Amino acid sequence: MTKRIPVSEDRWKQLGRIKEAGQTYDELLGVLLQAFNKRKLALAAQSARKGEGKWHRLEDM
């Protein structure tokens, strides 16, 4: 399935600068999403280590 995602000219240029030769924009978006998810998980782990947030013990579930 092919979809069109409207982006500004500036954003298109930014994406073009980080896209590797031979890499599709679909692959680039996959890499960016993977990096985003890793960062999100790292921040959640950091918060958990600090005792922040609402966390439950697995034994209590």
Protein backbone atom coordinates (compact mmCIF):
# COMPACT_ATOMS: atom_id res chain seq x y z
CA MET A 1 0.00 0.00 0.00
CA THR A 2 1.27 3.44 -0.87
CA LYS A 3 0.27 6.57 1.04
CA ARG A 4 1.24 10.18 0.68
CA ILE A 5 2.29 12.11 3.75
CA PRO A 6 2.38 15.89 3.35
CA VAL A 7 5.58 17.44 4.70
CA SER A 8 7.01 20.92 4.46
CA GLU A 9 9.86 21.62 2.07
CA ASP A 10 12.22 22.20 5.02
CA ARG A 11 11.27 18.85 6.60
CA TRP A 12 11.74 17.10 3.22
CA LYS A 13 15.25 18.56 2.97
CA GLN A 14 16.06 17.45 6.53
CA LEU A 15 14.91 13.92 5.76
CA GLY A 16 16.93 13.93 2.54
CA ARG A 17 20.08 14.88 4.45
CA ILE A 18 19.82 11.96 6.88
CA LYS A 19 18.66 9.39 4.30
CA GLU A 20 21.45 7.08 3.20
CA ALA A 21 22.19 6.29 -0.44
CA GLY A 22 19.89 3.52 -1.64
CA GLN A 23 17.68 3.78 1.43
CA THR A 24 13.97 4.26 0.82
CA TYR A 25 11.95 6.81 2.76
CA ASP A 26 9.95 3.90 4.18
CA GLU A 27 13.17 2.39 5.53
CA LEU A 28 14.26 5.79 6.86
CA LEU A 29 10.96 6.22 8.70
CA GLY A 30 11.40 2.73 10.16
CA VAL A 31 14.86 3.64 11.47
CA LEU A 32 13.54 6.90 12.93
CA LEU A 33 10.63 5.12 14.63
CA GLN A 34 12.97 2.51 16.07
CA ALA A 35 15.23 5.24 17.48
CA PHE A 36 12.20 7.06 18.91
CA ASN A 37 10.95 3.89 20.62
CA LYS A 38 14.39 3.12 22.07
CA ARG A 39 14.66 6.66 23.44
CA LYS A 40 11.15 6.46 24.91
CA LEU A 41 12.00 3.15 26.61
CA ALA A 42 15.29 4.54 27.93
CA LEU A 43 13.50 7.55 29.43
CA ALA A 44 10.89 5.29 31.04
CA ALA A 45 13.64 3.10 32.52
CA GLN A 46 15.44 6.18 33.81
CA SER A 47 12.22 7.38 35.47
CA ALA A 48 11.67 3.96 37.01
CA ARG A 49 15.19 3.92 38.46
CA LYS A 50 14.48 7.30 40.04
CA GLY A 51 11.22 5.98 41.49
CA GLU A 52 9.14 8.30 39.33
CA GLY A 53 5.87 7.37 37.69
CA LYS A 54 3.32 4.72 38.46
CA TRP A 55 4.99 1.33 38.36
CA HIS A 56 3.68 -2.01 39.60
CA ARG A 57 5.60 -5.03 40.74
CA LEU A 58 5.12 -8.01 38.43
CA GLU A 59 4.33 -10.16 41.45
CA ASP A 60 1.35 -7.90 42.20
CA MET A 61 -0.20 -8.31 38.77
